[in-house]
């Protein structure tokens, strides 16, 4: 009934009795049901608190995790101390799956009893030190919801999180990259300070200097090894099958802005030709009707404003198609407008007349 979307809350009293069943499959189904309706039937769920506490000691990791999940869904402040104790025990569990469930329970406990924050932050600190990929994403999610300002908790775990990134489950990667992006922008030097000129301005500078002594006005920026680490570990996600994870690039003078589906920005130094290859590779790998197409085109539109030369040779790739969604058509028109020059304006206008 639950799988079909039907309301089965009236069966709660009958189902909750089966939580003591010795049949493992029955017990799993009971916990699935209780997880769904525990918040709605809090009074009845409270009557089974002792049963859930005993289940936290069950030899089966799935039962232990399910019991903790049900407890965290009973949003009653009076059981906050019980939840706190259960979470602390689960964090020390040998099973990564149970520790992951404990991380998910932390924001729920905080929502019903904010006074527990200090203790929960200590628990999060332990979870951040966990070396398993199954726990990493959930631990960072709890960190982001409770104490995103505690950057000091990330310092000692930064390299470990970067190295685990590729193997973390898909949505955990999104959360971790979001956090690492914020970390990088606040903890590393910006390699582009004083270097915000456009490509055209760069060319003008070269013409003005001519064949001078060739000395640079600015001292070359040497990127920190830890800064390079995050960029290197993020790079493989460009080929992700999940539309939330692809990396988009935006260029400035001697810089790249690496972007994850709108989640944040990282700065690095990289060749412009390489950025163009990465961005267009992501675009051509993404069919018109996929969710990521709009994100890719949005980032290309941003790049094309000041870095027109990057995409001029690919002008035809941004021609509007009759089967393009409206938002894709608008983005392509924006890109074509940015790429318009005296030499190609007639071609663009002719194409627009045909398509529109």
Protein backbone atom coordinates (compact mmCIF):
# COMPACT_ATOMS: atom_id res chain seq x y z
CA UNK A 1 0.00 0.00 0.00
CA UNK A 2 2.80 2.41 0.86
CA UNK A 3 4.56 1.69 -2.44
CA UNK A 4 1.33 2.56 -4.28
CA UNK A 5 1.00 5.83 -2.40
CA UNK A 6 -2.02 4.78 -0.35
CA UNK A 7 -2.53 5.97 3.22
CA UNK A 8 -1.86 3.10 5.62
CA UNK A 9 -1.62 5.12 8.83
CA UNK A 10 -4.73 3.44 10.29
CA UNK A 11 -2.82 0.16 10.43
CA UNK A 12 -0.13 1.57 12.73
CA UNK A 13 -1.33 -0.16 15.96
CA UNK A 14 -1.43 -3.55 14.23
CA UNK A 15 1.89 -3.13 12.44
CA UNK A 16 3.85 -1.84 15.43
CA UNK A 17 3.10 -5.05 17.33
CA UNK A 18 5.15 -6.98 14.78
CA UNK A 19 8.31 -5.07 15.61
CA UNK A 20 9.21 -7.90 18.00
CA UNK A 21 8.89 -10.52 15.26
CA UNK A 22 11.85 -12.88 14.97
CA UNK A 23 11.40 -13.10 11.20
CA UNK A 24 14.05 -10.82 9.73
CA UNK A 25 12.11 -9.99 6.56
CA UNK A 26 8.96 -9.14 8.52
CA UNK A 27 10.97 -6.96 10.89
CA UNK A 28 12.53 -5.06 7.97
CA UNK A 29 9.10 -4.34 6.51
CA UNK A 30 7.81 -3.21 9.89
CA UNK A 31 10.66 -0.72 10.23
CA UNK A 32 10.03 0.60 6.73
CA UNK A 33 6.43 1.23 7.74
CA UNK A 34 7.37 2.79 11.08
CA UNK A 35 9.91 5.08 9.44
CA UNK A 36 7.14 6.35 7.17
CA UNK A 37 4.47 6.91 9.82
CA UNK A 38 6.34 7.43 13.12
CA UNK A 39 6.12 11.21 12.82
CA UNK A 40 2.36 11.10 12.19
CA UNK A 41 1.60 8.56 14.92
CA UNK A 42 3.93 9.85 17.62
CA UNK A 43 1.83 8.78 20.60
CA UNK A 44 1.66 5.16 19.45
CA UNK A 45 5.32 5.17 18.45
CA UNK A 46 6.31 6.36 21.92
CA UNK A 47 4.78 3.22 23.40
CA UNK A 48 7.39 1.17 21.53
CA UNK A 49 10.46 3.23 22.50
CA UNK A 50 11.89 0.44 24.65
CA UNK A 51 11.57 -1.98 21.73
CA UNK A 52 13.46 0.38 19.43
CA UNK A 53 16.19 0.81 22.04
CA UNK A 54 16.65 -2.95 22.27
CA UNK A 55 16.79 -3.14 18.48
CA UNK A 56 19.80 -0.81 18.56
CA UNK A 57 21.73 -3.78 19.98
CA UNK A 58 20.52 -6.21 17.30
CA UNK A 59 23.28 -8.25 15.57
CA UNK A 60 21.92 -7.22 12.16
CA UNK A 61 23.20 -3.83 11.03
CA UNK A 62 20.05 -3.16 9.00
CA UNK A 63 17.87 -3.58 12.08
CA UNK A 64 20.13 -1.31 14.15
CA UNK A 65 20.04 1.36 11.48
CA UNK A 66 16.28 1.02 11.00
CA UNK A 67 15.63 1.36 14.74
CA UNK A 68 17.69 4.55 14.88
CA UNK A 69 15.90 5.88 11.81
CA UNK A 70 12.51 5.30 13.43
CA UNK A 71 13.64 6.95 16.67
CA UNK A 72 14.84 10.02 14.80
CA UNK A 73 11.46 10.31 13.06
CA UNK A 74 9.58 10.58 16.36
CA UNK A 75 9.74 14.36 16.61
CA UNK A 76 9.01 14.69 20.32
CA UNK A 77 11.36 16.74 22.50
CA UNK A 78 10.88 14.50 25.52
CA UNK A 79 12.87 11.70 23.85
CA UNK A 80 15.75 13.98 22.81
CA UNK A 81 18.07 12.58 25.53
CA UNK A 82 17.33 9.04 24.33
CA UNK A 83 18.05 10.04 20.74
CA UNK A 84 21.27 11.75 21.79
CA UNK A 85 22.48 8.63 23.56
CA UNK A 86 21.46 6.43 20.62
CA UNK A 87 23.30 8.64 18.13
CA UNK A 88 26.47 8.62 20.22
CA UNK A 89 26.39 4.83 20.36
CA UNK A 90 25.65 4.54 16.64
CA UNK A 91 28.62 6.76 15.75
CA UNK A 92 30.88 4.17 17.39
CA UNK A 93 29.17 1.27 15.60
CA UNK A 94 31.36 -1.05 13.53
CA UNK A 95 28.96 -0.82 10.58
CA UNK A 96 29.44 2.17 8.23
CA UNK A 97 25.76 1.92 7.35
CA UNK A 98 24.75 2.52 10.97
CA UNK A 99 27.19 5.43 11.26
CA UNK A 100 25.72 6.91 8.10
CA UNK A 101 22.23 6.63 9.61
CA UNK A 102 23.52 8.36 12.74
CA UNK A 103 24.71 11.27 10.59
CA UNK A 104 21.24 11.55 9.06
CA UNK A 105 19.67 11.58 12.53
CA UNK A 106 21.76 14.53 13.75
CA UNK A 107 19.85 17.32 11.93
CA UNK A 108 16.55 15.77 13.02
CA UNK A 109 17.55 15.84 16.67
CA UNK A 110 18.82 19.39 16.32
CA UNK A 111 15.47 20.49 14.85
CA UNK A 112 13.56 19.38 17.94
CA UNK A 113 16.17 20.36 20.53
CA UNK A 114 18.66 23.06 19.42
CA UNK A 115 20.19 23.08 22.90
CA UNK A 116 21.92 19.82 22.00
CA UNK A 117 24.06 21.58 19.38
CA UNK A 118 27.35 21.49 21.29
CA UNK A 119 27.12 17.74 21.85
CA UNK A 120 26.04 17.17 18.26
CA UNK A 121 29.02 19.14 16.95
CA UNK A 122 31.29 16.79 18.90
CA UNK A 123 29.54 13.85 17.24
CA UNK A 124 29.97 15.47 13.82
CA UNK A 125 33.68 15.89 14.52
CA UNK A 126 33.96 12.14 15.05
CA UNK A 127 32.02 11.44 11.84
CA UNK A 128 34.24 13.78 9.83
CA UNK A 129 37.21 11.68 10.90
CA UNK A 130 35.55 8.55 9.49
CA UNK A 131 37.58 7.07 6.63
CA UNK A 132 34.74 5.24 4.83
CA UNK A 133 33.15 6.69 1.71
CA UNK A 134 29.69 5.60 2.82
CA UNK A 135 29.79 7.97 5.79
CA UNK A 136 31.60 10.96 4.27
CA UNK A 137 28.70 12.52 2.36
CA UNK A 138 26.24 12.19 5.24
CA UNK A 139 28.76 13.58 7.73
CA UNK A 140 29.34 16.66 5.57
CA UNK A 141 25.59 17.14 5.15
CA UNK A 142 25.17 17.16 8.93
CA UNK A 143 28.11 19.57 9.21
CA UNK A 144 26.58 21.94 6.66
CA UNK A 145 23.22 21.98 8.44
CA UNK A 146 24.49 22.44 11.99
CA UNK A 147 27.82 24.22 12.00
CA UNK A 148 29.00 25.35 8.53
CA UNK A 149 30.98 28.13 10.20
CA UNK A 150 33.22 25.62 12.01
CA UNK A 151 35.84 25.48 9.27
CA UNK A 152 38.36 24.36 11.87
CA UNK A 153 36.71 20.93 11.83
CA UNK A 154 37.57 20.59 8.14
CA UNK A 155 41.26 21.52 8.33
CA UNK A 156 42.54 18.16 9.58
CA UNK A 157 40.16 16.20 7.33
CA UNK A 158 40.56 18.24 4.14
CA UNK A 159 42.99 15.98 2.27
CA UNK A 160 41.12 12.85 3.29
CA UNK A 161 37.82 14.28 1.99
CA UNK A 162 39.45 15.28 -1.29
CA UNK A 163 40.87 11.79 -1.78
CA UNK A 164 37.57 10.10 -0.90
CA UNK A 165 35.55 12.35 -3.21
CA UNK A 166 35.66 10.19 -6.34
CA UNK A 167 34.37 7.10 -4.52
CA UNK A 168 31.61 8.76 -2.50
CA UNK A 169 28.02 8.08 -3.59
CA UNK A 170 26.63 10.53 -6.14
CA UNK A 171 24.61 12.93 -4.00
CA UNK A 172 27.25 12.85 -1.30
CA UNK A 173 29.71 14.16 -3.88
CA UNK A 174 27.46 17.15 -4.53
CA UNK A 175 27.38 18.01 -0.82
CA UNK A 176 31.13 17.54 -0.36
CA UNK A 177 32.08 19.62 -3.40
CA UNK A 178 29.76 22.37 -2.23
CA UNK A 179 31.55 22.44 1.11
CA UNK A 180 35.05 22.14 -0.38
CA UNK A 181 34.25 24.96 -2.77
CA UNK A 182 33.37 27.25 0.12
CA UNK A 183 36.45 26.06 1.99
CA UNK A 184 38.75 26.76 -0.96
CA UNK A 185 37.44 30.26 -1.49
CA UNK A 186 37.99 31.20 2.15
CA UNK A 187 41.22 29.34 2.95
CA UNK A 188 43.30 29.70 -0.24
CA UNK A 189 44.67 32.81 -1.88
CA UNK A 190 42.81 34.09 -4.90
CA UNK A 191 45.25 33.67 -7.81
CA UNK A 192 43.46 36.40 -9.77
CA UNK A 193 43.74 39.40 -7.46
CA UNK A 194 44.51 42.37 -9.62
CA UNK A 195 44.10 40.26 -12.76
CA UNK A 196 40.49 40.84 -13.73
CA UNK A 197 41.12 42.00 -17.29
CA UNK A 198 39.27 40.53 -20.20
CA UNK A 199 40.86 38.77 -23.14
CA UNK A 200 40.56 41.93 -25.27
CA UNK A 201 42.31 43.97 -22.57
CA UNK A 202 45.07 41.37 -22.43
CA UNK A 203 45.60 41.75 -26.15
CA UNK A 204 45.72 45.54 -25.85
CA UNK A 205 48.36 45.24 -23.13
CA UNK A 206 50.47 43.04 -25.41
CA UNK A 207 50.19 45.55 -28.28
CA UNK A 208 51.14 48.44 -26.00
CA UNK A 209 54.18 46.68 -24.55
CA UNK A 210 55.24 45.46 -27.99
CA UNK A 211 58.58 43.72 -27.98
CA UNK A 212 59.72 45.14 -24.65
CA UNK A 213 62.01 43.52 -22.19
CA UNK A 214 59.39 40.80 -21.61
CA UNK A 215 59.33 41.31 -17.86
CA UNK A 216 56.05 40.60 -16.11
CA UNK A 217 54.44 43.33 -14.07
CA UNK A 218 52.94 40.88 -11.62
CA UNK A 219 54.68 38.15 -9.72
CA UNK A 220 53.49 34.74 -10.97
CA UNK A 221 51.04 33.06 -8.64
CA UNK A 222 52.15 29.68 -7.28
CA UNK A 223 49.14 27.61 -6.39
CA UNK A 224 49.11 25.81 -3.06
CA UNK A 225 49.39 22.02 -3.29
CA UNK A 226 46.15 21.58 -1.34
CA UNK A 227 44.42 23.96 -3.74
CA UNK A 228 45.56 21.84 -6.66
CA UNK A 229 44.41 18.71 -4.86
CA UNK A 230 40.75 19.66 -4.84
CA UNK A 231 40.84 20.65 -8.50
CA UNK A 232 42.56 17.41 -9.47
CA UNK A 233 40.06 15.30 -7.53
CA UNK A 234 37.06 17.15 -8.97
CA UNK A 235 38.19 16.75 -12.57
CA UNK A 236 37.00 13.11 -13.04
CA UNK A 237 33.46 14.16 -12.10
CA UNK A 238 33.22 16.01 -15.39
CA UNK A 239 32.18 12.69 -16.95
CA UNK A 240 29.57 11.93 -14.31
CA UNK A 241 26.25 10.38 -15.32
CA UNK A 242 24.54 12.46 -12.63
CA UNK A 243 23.47 15.85 -13.99
CA UNK A 244 24.09 17.49 -10.60
CA UNK A 245 27.83 16.77 -10.62
CA UNK A 246 29.36 17.92 -13.91
CA UNK A 247 32.03 20.60 -13.62
CA UNK A 248 31.54 23.76 -15.63
CA UNK A 249 34.35 26.21 -16.22
CA UNK A 250 34.36 30.00 -16.45
CA UNK A 251 37.45 31.90 -17.52
CA UNK A 252 39.02 35.20 -16.50
CA UNK A 253 42.54 36.46 -17.02
CA UNK A 254 44.88 33.56 -16.21
CA UNK A 255 42.16 31.79 -14.26
CA UNK A 256 39.38 29.23 -14.35
CA UNK A 257 36.23 29.32 -12.32
CA UNK A 258 35.19 25.71 -11.76
CA UNK A 259 31.54 25.35 -11.04
CA UNK A 260 29.38 22.43 -9.92
CA UNK A 261 25.87 22.83 -11.27
CA UNK A 262 25.47 26.22 -9.62
CA UNK A 263 26.70 25.15 -6.19
CA UNK A 264 29.79 27.35 -5.91
CA UNK A 265 33.09 28.51 -7.35
CA UNK A 266 36.72 27.47 -7.17
CA UNK A 267 39.65 29.36 -8.62
CA UNK A 268 42.58 27.81 -10.40
CA UNK A 269 45.12 28.58 -13.09
CA UNK A 270 44.83 26.58 -16.30
CA UNK A 271 45.30 27.03 -20.03
CA UNK A 272 42.39 28.63 -21.88
CA UNK A 273 42.40 26.01 -24.60
CA UNK A 274 41.93 23.30 -21.97
CA UNK A 275 38.94 25.12 -20.49
CA UNK A 276 37.31 25.35 -23.89
CA UNK A 277 37.84 21.63 -24.44
CA UNK A 278 36.37 20.69 -21.04
CA UNK A 279 33.34 22.93 -21.43
CA UNK A 280 32.51 21.91 -24.98
CA UNK A 281 33.14 18.26 -24.13
CA UNK A 282 30.48 18.53 -21.43
CA UNK A 283 28.14 20.31 -23.86
CA UNK A 284 28.47 17.81 -26.70
CA UNK A 285 28.12 14.85 -24.33
CA UNK A 286 24.83 16.27 -23.07
CA UNK A 287 21.83 15.71 -25.36
CA UNK A 288 19.48 18.67 -25.75
CA UNK A 289 16.78 17.20 -23.56
CA UNK A 290 18.92 16.30 -20.54
CA UNK A 291 18.67 18.41 -17.36
CA UNK A 292 22.34 19.35 -17.52
CA UNK A 293 22.12 21.07 -20.91
CA UNK A 294 20.64 24.23 -19.45
CA UNK A 295 23.37 24.43 -16.79
CA UNK A 296 26.11 23.96 -19.38
CA UNK A 297 24.70 26.62 -21.70
CA UNK A 298 24.21 28.99 -18.78
CA UNK A 299 27.89 28.74 -17.91
CA UNK A 300 28.95 29.07 -21.55
CA UNK A 301 26.79 32.20 -21.76
CA UNK A 302 28.69 33.64 -18.79
CA UNK A 303 32.06 32.75 -20.32
CA UNK A 304 31.22 34.14 -23.73
CA UNK A 305 30.64 37.67 -22.40
CA UNK A 306 34.34 38.41 -21.80
CA UNK A 307 35.96 35.42 -23.48
CA UNK A 308 34.37 35.54 -26.90
CA UNK A 309 37.34 34.01 -28.63
CA UNK A 310 36.90 30.71 -26.81
CA UNK A 311 33.73 29.79 -28.69
CA UNK A 312 33.74 31.68 -32.00
CA UNK A 313 34.89 28.64 -33.96
CA UNK A 314 31.99 26.63 -32.50
CA UNK A 315 29.35 29.16 -33.51
CA UNK A 316 27.20 26.63 -35.37
CA UNK A 317 26.92 24.48 -32.25
CA UNK A 318 24.73 27.16 -30.69
CA UNK A 319 22.25 27.50 -33.51
CA UNK A 320 18.68 27.16 -32.31
CA UNK A 321 16.88 23.93 -33.18
CA UNK A 322 13.15 23.56 -33.61
CA UNK A 323 12.94 20.87 -30.92
CA UNK A 324 14.95 22.81 -28.31
CA UNK A 325 13.09 23.62 -25.06
CA UNK A 326 12.29 27.31 -24.61
CA UNK A 327 14.95 27.90 -21.94
CA UNK A 328 17.61 26.29 -24.15
CA UNK A 329 16.59 28.49 -27.09
CA UNK A 330 16.88 31.61 -24.95
CA UNK A 331 20.33 30.61 -23.69
CA UNK A 332 21.55 29.86 -27.21
CA UNK A 333 20.29 33.25 -28.38
CA UNK A 334 22.13 34.89 -25.50
CA UNK A 335 25.34 33.09 -26.48
CA UNK A 336 24.94 33.99 -30.16
CA UNK A 337 24.45 37.63 -29.16
CA UNK A 338 27.69 37.57 -27.17
CA UNK A 339 29.59 35.92 -30.02
CA UNK A 340 28.37 38.36 -32.67
CA UNK A 341 31.13 40.30 -34.45
CA UNK A 342 31.39 42.33 -37.63
CA UNK A 343 32.63 39.27 -39.50
CA UNK A 344 29.94 36.80 -38.42
CA UNK A 345 26.91 39.03 -37.80
CA UNK A 346 25.47 38.37 -41.26
CA UNK A 347 25.72 34.60 -40.69
CA UNK A 348 24.01 34.85 -37.31
CA UNK A 349 21.21 37.07 -38.63
CA UNK A 350 20.62 34.75 -41.57
CA UNK A 351 20.39 31.77 -39.23
CA UNK A 352 17.99 33.58 -36.92
CA UNK A 353 15.76 34.55 -39.83
CA UNK A 354 15.51 30.91 -40.87
CA UNK A 355 14.92 29.52 -37.39
CA UNK A 356 12.70 32.23 -35.97
